[in-house]
Amino acid sequence: MSFVPVPQGSDFPIENLPYGVFSTAVKPSARVGVAIGDHILDLSAVAQFYPEHVRAALGATVLNDLMALGCDAWKEVRRITRDLLLEGSVLHKDVALQAHALVPQADAKMHLPANIGDYTDFYSSIHHATNVGVMFRGKENALMPNWKHLPVGYHGRASSVVVSGTPIRRPYGQTLPVDGADPAFGPCRLFDFELEMAFLVGGPATQLGDRVSVAEAANRVFGFVLMNDWSARDIQKWEYVPLGPFTAKNLGTSISPWVVPVAALEPFLVDNFPQDPQPFPYLRHEQKFNFDIKLEVDIKPKSTGVATTVCRSNYRNLYWTALQQIAHHTVTGCNLKPGDLMASGTISGDAADSFGSMLELSWKGTKPVPLAGGETRKFLQDNDEVIVRGYCSNGELRIGFGSCSGIVLPATPFDEQ
């Protein structure tokens, strides 16, 4: 048992130990920490208890160096961290060291956990892909011919990935008005969230031309975060042909600050999603790499200050696994670097209340979504706060991700720029 108190229902028991990067007013430099209950263990303050080959990574200002060390080092760091937090440990006995090493989360400012070199967004939920296909192409052509043969994805914008709590401004862009022959330019009217999860790539950088097989891919997944991939639907509809989304998706992508390691999620492994037809051999694997992670999205308008849960979904709804995503990403020889971010795509279930976007929940704006206090939404309005939460629970153990939130700011008029 941890000597650091862990409140009932906390996302961060000793079985979790997620990594993050934080600072405080007293010590404003960013540093690596591990969440335990309502506290953060500052790994730079206890680095002397770890092997010399990992100490520099624990004293860094981002997680990239730790990610680069590989899975054996991750296991070693996790084991030592757990031992330090147990009752009777050397840290438990050293009250003076605790005063430096244990920081209340309430006193901390969280930062992006890594320098994200590249960001790839997949499209791996069959329910989401089907819903969008039905809306725009009809039931007979809901899924594109390639969808069940490969993990569809595109390269996103790493520079606009931000940590939870960062406000997101409604974008300007080109749109095609309903029944309009000519495009218009102005603020996005159909602003949306996308409920996603993402993983950070670890291990040494690969070389251009090298592939990562599905068998090797598990050692490349450092950990998972929550994600909201903000989307301008009206801008996207006009611009995406023929090369896919561009400015509709580069305006901001929010991730949660705590990176939950795969080891913490292992008690919640479930069968991989059944795949038919069987994919090509380079995408086949028997290893379970799907997780029972419960996901929720709240919308909280400024006008009421009351949050309404509009979506309840689950990570297990993904058709393609993270291992298959890595294998396909690198089948061409594309090189990976520690800190690369790979996202799931919108995670929707098969029930209407499990759809992971307003596009689906309102069914392209035809069905208003009720909120507490009598308000409704078809898409997001200015000053709405979107809060994504995720956790695993089996009745005895809860492993959580914290939250991923952001407030929609009004668009900035061009004459004010």
Protein backbone atom coordinates (compact mmCIF):
# COMPACT_ATOMS: atom_id res chain seq x y z
CA MET A 1 0.00 0.00 0.00
CA SER A 2 1.18 3.51 -0.79
CA PHE A 3 2.13 5.69 2.16
CA VAL A 4 0.83 8.65 0.15
CA PRO A 5 -2.93 8.85 0.74
CA VAL A 6 -5.03 7.90 -2.29
CA PRO A 7 -8.66 9.07 -2.01
CA GLN A 8 -11.44 6.62 -2.75
CA GLY A 9 -12.21 6.70 -6.46
CA SER A 10 -8.96 8.43 -7.39
CA ASP A 11 -7.69 7.99 -10.95
CA PHE A 12 -4.15 7.64 -9.63
CA PRO A 13 -3.61 4.70 -7.25
CA ILE A 14 -0.21 3.06 -6.92
CA GLU A 15 -1.22 0.58 -9.64
CA ASN A 16 -1.35 3.44 -12.16
CA LEU A 17 1.71 5.71 -11.80
CA PRO A 18 1.26 7.83 -14.95
CA TYR A 19 3.99 10.18 -16.11
CA GLY A 20 3.62 13.91 -16.65
CA VAL A 21 5.56 17.16 -16.80
CA PHE A 22 4.80 19.89 -14.27
CA SER A 23 6.06 23.06 -12.64
CA THR A 24 5.16 25.08 -9.56
CA ALA A 25 5.25 28.74 -8.59
CA VAL A 26 8.02 27.97 -6.11
CA LYS A 27 10.02 26.02 -8.70
CA PRO A 28 8.96 27.22 -12.17
CA SER A 29 11.22 24.92 -14.17
CA ALA A 30 9.41 22.02 -15.86
CA ARG A 31 10.22 18.55 -14.57
CA VAL A 32 9.08 14.94 -14.82
CA GLY A 33 6.69 13.56 -12.23
CA VAL A 34 4.42 10.62 -11.47
CA ALA A 35 0.87 11.06 -10.19
CA ILE A 36 -0.06 9.31 -6.94
CA GLY A 37 -3.41 10.19 -5.40
CA ASP A 38 -3.66 13.97 -5.16
CA HIS A 39 0.12 14.39 -5.27
CA ILE A 40 2.97 14.30 -7.76
CA LEU A 41 6.23 12.52 -7.07
CA ASP A 42 8.98 14.74 -8.48
CA LEU A 43 11.32 12.20 -10.09
CA SER A 44 14.17 14.70 -10.29
CA ALA A 45 14.09 14.95 -6.49
CA VAL A 46 14.49 11.20 -6.03
CA ALA A 47 16.70 10.43 -9.04
CA GLN A 48 19.49 9.17 -6.76
CA PHE A 49 17.46 6.00 -6.10
CA TYR A 50 17.43 5.03 -9.80
CA PRO A 51 20.22 3.49 -11.90
CA GLU A 52 22.68 5.96 -13.35
CA HIS A 53 21.64 5.27 -16.95
CA VAL A 54 18.12 6.65 -16.34
CA ARG A 55 18.88 9.59 -14.04
CA ALA A 56 19.41 12.12 -16.81
CA ALA A 57 16.04 11.23 -18.33
CA LEU A 58 14.34 11.71 -14.95
CA GLY A 59 15.90 15.15 -14.66
CA ALA A 60 14.75 16.28 -18.10
CA THR A 61 12.01 18.80 -18.83
CA VAL A 62 10.02 16.44 -21.10
CA LEU A 63 9.49 12.68 -21.31
CA ASN A 64 11.27 12.13 -24.63
CA ASP A 65 14.55 10.95 -23.09
CA LEU A 66 12.75 8.44 -20.87
CA MET A 67 10.69 7.23 -23.83
CA ALA A 68 13.86 6.73 -25.88
CA LEU A 69 15.37 4.36 -23.29
CA GLY A 70 12.99 1.56 -24.25
CA CYS A 71 10.68 -0.85 -22.51
CA ASP A 72 13.24 -2.51 -20.22
CA ALA A 73 14.10 0.87 -18.71
CA TRP A 74 10.39 1.75 -18.41
CA LYS A 75 9.80 -1.42 -16.40
CA GLU A 76 12.77 -0.66 -14.16
CA VAL A 77 11.69 2.93 -13.50
CA ARG A 78 8.13 1.82 -12.79
CA ARG A 79 9.28 -0.84 -10.31
CA ILE A 80 11.57 1.53 -8.41
CA THR A 81 8.92 4.27 -8.35
CA ARG A 82 6.40 1.85 -6.89
CA ASP A 83 8.89 0.69 -4.27
CA LEU A 84 9.60 4.28 -3.23
CA LEU A 85 5.89 4.90 -2.64
CA LEU A 86 5.28 1.81 -0.51
CA GLU A 87 4.88 1.99 3.25
CA GLY A 88 8.22 1.53 4.95
CA SER A 89 10.26 2.68 1.95
CA VAL A 90 13.31 4.90 2.19
CA LEU A 91 11.16 7.81 1.02
CA HIS A 92 8.50 7.05 3.61
CA LYS A 93 11.14 7.22 6.33
CA ASP A 94 12.67 10.48 5.09
CA VAL A 95 10.21 13.24 5.97
CA ALA A 96 12.59 15.98 4.82
CA LEU A 97 12.91 14.41 1.37
CA GLN A 98 9.14 14.02 1.13
CA ALA A 99 8.77 17.76 1.58
CA HIS A 100 10.79 18.29 -1.61
CA ALA A 101 9.67 15.27 -3.62
CA LEU A 102 5.90 15.20 -3.07
CA VAL A 103 3.99 18.11 -4.60
CA PRO A 104 0.23 18.62 -4.25
CA GLN A 105 -1.37 18.46 -7.68
CA ALA A 106 -3.36 21.56 -6.75
CA ASP A 107 -0.07 23.51 -6.61
CA ALA A 108 1.19 22.27 -9.98
CA LYS A 109 0.90 23.59 -13.50
CA MET A 110 0.84 20.81 -16.08
CA HIS A 111 2.68 21.01 -19.40
CA LEU A 112 2.75 18.97 -22.59
CA PRO A 113 4.36 15.68 -21.58
CA ALA A 114 6.65 15.50 -24.61
CA ASN A 115 8.15 17.40 -27.48
CA ILE A 116 5.89 15.99 -30.17
CA GLY A 117 7.85 15.63 -33.37
CA ASP A 118 5.11 14.18 -35.55
CA TYR A 119 1.40 13.58 -35.09
CA THR A 120 -0.65 11.01 -37.00
CA ASP A 121 -4.42 10.71 -36.67
CA PHE A 122 -6.06 7.42 -37.59
CA TYR A 123 -9.71 6.68 -38.38
CA SER A 124 -10.03 3.36 -36.58
CA SER A 125 -13.57 3.26 -35.13
CA ILE A 126 -15.84 1.28 -37.43
CA HIS A 127 -18.95 2.79 -35.87
CA HIS A 128 -17.71 6.34 -36.42
CA ALA A 129 -16.58 5.62 -39.97
CA THR A 130 -19.92 3.98 -40.73
CA ASN A 131 -21.93 6.85 -39.26
CA VAL A 132 -20.06 9.47 -41.26
CA GLY A 133 -20.30 7.34 -44.39
CA VAL A 134 -24.05 6.91 -44.02
CA MET A 135 -24.50 10.67 -43.57
CA PHE A 136 -22.59 11.64 -46.68
CA ARG A 137 -22.71 8.59 -48.98
CA GLY A 138 -25.67 6.49 -47.83
CA LYS A 139 -25.87 3.04 -46.23
CA GLU A 140 -24.77 1.17 -49.33
CA ASN A 141 -21.44 3.02 -49.49
CA ALA A 142 -20.89 3.79 -45.82
CA LEU A 143 -17.36 2.36 -45.64
CA MET A 144 -14.84 3.10 -48.36
CA PRO A 145 -13.44 -0.03 -50.09
CA ASN A 146 -10.07 0.27 -48.33
CA TRP A 147 -11.36 0.73 -44.77
CA LYS A 148 -11.32 -2.92 -43.62
CA HIS A 149 -8.00 -3.61 -45.31
CA LEU A 150 -5.77 -0.98 -43.70
CA PRO A 151 -5.76 1.53 -40.81
CA VAL A 152 -6.75 4.74 -42.57
CA GLY A 153 -4.99 7.83 -41.26
CA TYR A 154 -3.50 11.21 -42.10
CA HIS A 155 -0.67 13.37 -40.82
CA GLY A 156 -1.80 16.09 -38.45
CA ARG A 157 -0.14 19.23 -37.16
CA ALA A 158 2.17 18.65 -34.18
CA SER A 159 2.73 22.36 -33.51
CA SER A 160 -0.90 22.89 -32.46
CA VAL A 161 -1.11 19.98 -30.01
CA VAL A 162 -1.77 21.57 -26.62
CA VAL A 163 -2.14 20.39 -23.05
CA SER A 164 -5.52 20.14 -21.34
CA GLY A 165 -6.86 23.48 -20.14
CA THR A 166 -5.58 25.47 -23.11
CA PRO A 167 -8.43 27.53 -24.65
CA ILE A 168 -9.21 26.89 -28.32
CA ARG A 169 -10.29 29.76 -30.55
CA ARG A 170 -13.07 29.28 -33.08
CA PRO A 171 -11.37 29.43 -36.48
CA TYR A 172 -12.04 31.43 -39.60
CA GLY A 173 -12.09 29.65 -42.92
CA GLN A 174 -13.71 29.03 -46.26
CA THR A 175 -17.05 27.21 -46.33
CA LEU A 176 -19.70 26.41 -48.91
CA PRO A 177 -23.08 27.64 -47.68
CA VAL A 178 -26.06 25.30 -47.92
CA ASP A 179 -27.47 25.64 -51.44
CA GLY A 180 -24.69 28.12 -52.18
CA ALA A 181 -22.88 28.14 -55.49
CA ASP A 182 -19.92 30.17 -54.25
CA PRO A 183 -17.77 29.71 -51.14
CA ALA A 184 -17.95 32.14 -48.23
CA PHE A 185 -15.29 33.25 -45.75
CA GLY A 186 -15.95 33.75 -42.07
CA PRO A 187 -16.03 32.11 -38.63
CA CYS A 188 -16.67 28.37 -38.44
CA ARG A 189 -20.33 27.69 -37.68
CA LEU A 190 -20.12 23.93 -37.20
CA PHE A 191 -17.41 23.61 -34.54
CA ASP A 192 -17.03 20.15 -33.05
CA PHE A 193 -15.13 17.95 -30.64
CA GLU A 194 -13.78 14.50 -31.42
CA LEU A 195 -13.45 11.98 -28.61
CA GLU A 196 -10.13 10.23 -29.15
CA MET A 197 -7.25 8.56 -27.40
CA ALA A 198 -3.63 8.63 -28.48
CA PHE A 199 -0.37 6.93 -27.62
CA LEU A 200 3.16 8.27 -27.46
CA VAL A 201 5.84 6.33 -29.31
CA GLY A 202 8.86 5.13 -27.36
CA GLY A 203 12.09 3.29 -27.90
CA PRO A 204 15.13 4.48 -29.85
CA ALA A 205 14.45 6.30 -33.10
CA THR A 206 14.19 3.99 -36.08
CA GLN A 207 16.07 4.57 -39.30
CA LEU A 208 14.48 5.62 -42.57
CA GLY A 209 13.71 2.42 -44.45
CA ASP A 210 13.18 0.29 -41.33
CA ARG A 211 9.84 -1.31 -40.56
CA VAL A 212 8.34 -2.05 -37.15
CA SER A 213 6.44 -5.35 -37.18
CA VAL A 214 3.26 -6.00 -35.21
CA ALA A 215 5.34 -8.33 -33.02
CA GLU A 216 7.76 -5.50 -32.19
CA ALA A 217 5.17 -2.74 -31.98
CA ALA A 218 4.08 -3.36 -28.37
CA ASN A 219 7.55 -2.32 -27.21
CA ARG A 220 7.03 0.99 -29.01
CA VAL A 221 3.93 2.12 -27.10
CA PHE A 222 5.09 4.20 -24.13
CA GLY A 223 1.63 5.10 -22.87
CA PHE A 224 -1.80 6.55 -23.62
CA VAL A 225 -3.47 9.95 -23.23
CA LEU A 226 -6.96 11.34 -23.76
CA MET A 227 -7.46 13.54 -26.80
CA ASN A 228 -9.95 16.03 -28.21
CA ASP A 229 -9.22 16.66 -31.87
CA TRP A 230 -11.17 19.89 -32.39
CA SER A 231 -12.78 20.03 -35.83
CA ALA A 232 -14.35 22.71 -38.04
CA ARG A 233 -16.92 20.64 -39.92
CA ASP A 234 -18.08 23.25 -42.41
CA ILE A 235 -14.51 24.19 -43.30
CA GLN A 236 -13.61 20.50 -43.57
CA LYS A 237 -16.49 19.72 -45.93
CA TRP A 238 -15.35 22.36 -48.44
CA GLU A 239 -11.59 21.82 -48.29
CA TYR A 240 -11.08 18.06 -47.88
CA VAL A 241 -11.37 17.08 -51.56
CA PRO A 242 -9.08 15.68 -52.88
CA LEU A 243 -6.31 15.49 -50.24
CA GLY A 244 -8.23 15.30 -46.96
CA PRO A 245 -8.64 17.71 -44.02
CA PHE A 246 -6.26 20.63 -43.67
CA THR A 247 -7.11 23.88 -41.86
CA ALA A 248 -10.27 22.33 -40.41
CA LYS A 249 -8.07 20.16 -38.20
CA ASN A 250 -4.89 22.17 -37.61
CA LEU A 251 -6.39 24.77 -35.26
CA GLY A 252 -5.80 22.81 -32.06
CA THR A 253 -5.63 19.30 -30.63
CA SER A 254 -5.93 18.88 -26.85
CA ILE A 255 -4.35 16.02 -24.90
CA SER A 256 -4.44 15.11 -21.22
CA PRO A 257 -1.24 15.78 -19.24
CA TRP A 258 -0.85 12.33 -17.69
CA VAL A 259 0.56 9.48 -19.80
CA VAL A 260 -0.76 6.15 -18.53
CA PRO A 261 1.72 3.33 -19.20
CA VAL A 262 0.60 0.14 -20.89
CA ALA A 263 1.59 -1.84 -17.78
CA ALA A 264 -1.14 -0.06 -15.80
CA LEU A 265 -3.75 -1.01 -18.40
CA GLU A 266 -2.89 -4.71 -18.63
CA PRO A 267 -5.60 -5.80 -16.12
CA PHE A 268 -8.14 -4.34 -18.55
CA LEU A 269 -7.03 -6.09 -21.73
CA VAL A 270 -9.93 -7.39 -23.84
CA ASP A 271 -10.21 -9.26 -27.11
CA ASN A 272 -9.24 -7.36 -30.22
CA PHE A 273 -12.14 -6.25 -32.41
CA PRO A 274 -13.10 -9.06 -34.85
CA GLN A 275 -11.73 -8.31 -38.31
CA ASP A 276 -13.34 -9.59 -41.50
CA PRO A 277 -11.80 -9.94 -44.01
CA GLN A 278 -8.55 -11.06 -42.46
CA PRO A 279 -5.93 -8.38 -43.04
CA PHE A 280 -2.64 -8.92 -44.85
CA PRO A 281 -0.01 -10.88 -42.87
CA TYR A 282 1.94 -7.77 -41.86
CA LEU A 283 -1.15 -6.58 -39.94
CA ARG A 284 -2.08 -9.85 -38.25
CA HIS A 285 -1.44 -10.47 -34.57
CA GLU A 286 -2.87 -12.75 -31.92
CA GLN A 287 -1.67 -10.65 -28.98
CA LYS A 288 -4.45 -8.79 -27.23
CA PHE A 289 -3.91 -5.06 -27.48
CA ASN A 290 -7.37 -3.69 -26.90
CA PHE A 291 -8.49 -2.17 -23.61
CA ASP A 292 -11.72 -1.66 -21.69
CA ILE A 293 -11.33 2.10 -21.19
CA LYS A 294 -14.56 3.92 -20.39
CA LEU A 295 -14.76 7.34 -22.02
CA GLU A 296 -17.07 10.29 -21.40
CA VAL A 297 -17.54 13.76 -22.84
CA ASP A 298 -19.18 16.65 -20.97
CA ILE A 299 -20.27 19.99 -22.38
CA LYS A 300 -20.45 22.87 -19.89
CA PRO A 301 -21.87 26.16 -21.22
CA LYS A 302 -20.67 29.36 -19.59
CA SER A 303 -24.29 30.52 -19.33
CA THR A 304 -25.28 27.77 -16.88
CA GLY A 305 -21.96 26.50 -15.54
CA VAL A 306 -23.54 23.03 -15.45
CA ALA A 307 -21.88 20.11 -17.22
CA THR A 308 -23.92 17.56 -19.18
CA THR A 309 -22.50 14.21 -20.21
CA VAL A 310 -23.36 13.95 -23.91
CA CYS A 311 -21.36 10.84 -24.79
CA ARG A 312 -20.28 7.59 -23.16
CA SER A 313 -18.05 5.40 -25.30
CA ASN A 314 -15.22 2.89 -24.90
CA TYR A 315 -11.75 2.41 -26.37
CA ARG A 316 -12.61 -1.22 -27.09
CA ASN A 317 -14.77 0.01 -30.01
CA LEU A 318 -11.66 0.48 -32.17
CA TYR A 319 -11.41 -1.89 -35.14
CA TRP A 320 -7.66 -1.43 -35.65
CA THR A 321 -5.20 -1.85 -32.76
CA ALA A 322 -2.27 0.41 -31.92
CA LEU A 323 0.05 -2.41 -33.01
CA GLN A 324 -1.55 -2.51 -36.44
CA GLN A 325 -1.38 1.27 -36.67
CA ILE A 326 2.38 1.20 -36.03
CA ALA A 327 2.97 -1.68 -38.43
CA HIS A 328 1.07 0.04 -41.23
CA HIS A 329 2.62 3.44 -40.51
CA THR A 330 6.11 1.96 -40.93
CA VAL A 331 5.47 -0.60 -43.68
CA THR A 332 6.90 1.89 -46.18
CA GLY A 333 10.00 2.41 -44.05
CA CYS A 334 8.76 5.61 -42.40
CA ASN A 335 10.98 6.29 -39.40
CA LEU A 336 9.65 6.82 -35.88
CA LYS A 337 11.01 9.01 -33.10
CA PRO A 338 10.34 8.92 -29.36
CA GLY A 339 7.58 11.40 -28.64
CA ASP A 340 5.68 10.86 -31.88
CA LEU A 341 1.94 11.00 -31.22
CA MET A 342 -0.51 8.57 -32.83
CA ALA A 343 -4.24 9.07 -32.33
CA SER A 344 -7.12 6.65 -32.64
CA GLY A 345 -9.58 8.79 -34.53
CA THR A 346 -13.05 9.49 -33.14
CA ILE A 347 -14.19 6.64 -30.86
CA SER A 348 -17.89 5.91 -31.30
CA GLY A 349 -19.94 2.97 -30.12
CA ASP A 350 -22.97 1.45 -31.78
CA ALA A 351 -25.53 3.25 -29.58
CA ALA A 352 -26.62 6.84 -30.20
CA ASP A 353 -25.38 8.04 -26.80
CA SER A 354 -21.93 6.60 -27.51
CA PHE A 355 -21.22 8.67 -30.61
CA GLY A 356 -17.94 10.55 -30.15
CA SER A 357 -18.70 13.84 -31.93
CA MET A 358 -21.45 16.41 -32.24
CA LEU A 359 -21.60 15.61 -35.95
CA GLU A 360 -22.92 12.18 -34.99
CA LEU A 361 -24.79 13.07 -31.79
CA SER A 362 -26.82 15.70 -33.64
CA TRP A 363 -26.77 13.63 -36.82
CA LYS A 364 -25.34 16.38 -39.01
CA GLY A 365 -27.24 19.05 -37.12
CA THR A 366 -30.73 17.55 -37.52
CA LYS A 367 -31.22 16.44 -33.90
CA PRO A 368 -30.54 18.97 -31.11
CA VAL A 369 -28.66 17.49 -28.14
CA PRO A 370 -30.29 18.47 -24.81
CA LEU A 371 -28.17 20.00 -22.06
CA ALA A 372 -28.94 20.61 -18.40
CA GLY A 373 -30.75 23.89 -17.82
CA GLY A 374 -32.88 23.64 -20.92
CA GLU A 375 -30.24 24.50 -23.52
CA THR A 376 -29.53 22.39 -26.59
CA ARG A 377 -26.59 22.02 -28.94
CA LYS A 378 -26.16 20.91 -32.52
CA PHE A 379 -22.53 22.02 -32.53
CA LEU A 380 -20.33 23.85 -30.04
CA GLN A 381 -21.02 27.47 -29.14
CA ASP A 382 -18.60 30.11 -27.92
CA ASN A 383 -17.57 29.73 -24.27
CA ASP A 384 -18.63 26.08 -24.14
CA GLU A 385 -16.18 23.95 -22.19
CA VAL A 386 -15.62 20.40 -23.44
CA ILE A 387 -14.33 17.92 -20.86
CA VAL A 388 -13.12 14.43 -21.83
CA ARG A 389 -12.61 11.80 -19.13
CA GLY A 390 -11.40 8.23 -19.27
CA TYR A 391 -10.87 5.43 -16.79
CA CYS A 392 -10.75 1.65 -16.38
CA SER A 393 -12.64 -0.01 -13.55
CA ASN A 394 -13.42 -3.58 -12.56
CA GLY A 395 -15.07 -2.85 -9.21
CA GLU A 396 -11.84 -3.31 -7.26
CA LEU A 397 -9.30 -1.27 -9.21
CA ARG A 398 -9.66 2.07 -10.98
CA ILE A 399 -7.02 3.32 -13.39
CA GLY A 400 -7.77 6.79 -14.71
CA PHE A 401 -6.41 9.35 -17.13
CA GLY A 402 -7.65 12.49 -15.40
CA SER A 403 -9.34 14.84 -17.82
CA CYS A 404 -8.75 16.67 -21.08
CA SER A 405 -10.57 19.99 -21.27
CA GLY A 406 -10.74 23.15 -23.33
CA ILE A 407 -12.99 26.20 -23.67
CA VAL A 408 -14.13 27.50 -27.06
CA LEU A 409 -13.15 31.15 -27.44
CA PRO A 410 -14.95 33.42 -29.94
CA ALA A 411 -13.32 33.87 -33.33
CA THR A 412 -11.03 36.88 -33.63
CA PRO A 413 -12.35 39.28 -36.30
CA PHE A 414 -9.83 40.05 -39.01
CA ASP A 415 -9.94 43.79 -38.30
CA GLU A 416 -8.62 43.06 -34.79
CA GLN A 417 -5.56 41.17 -35.96
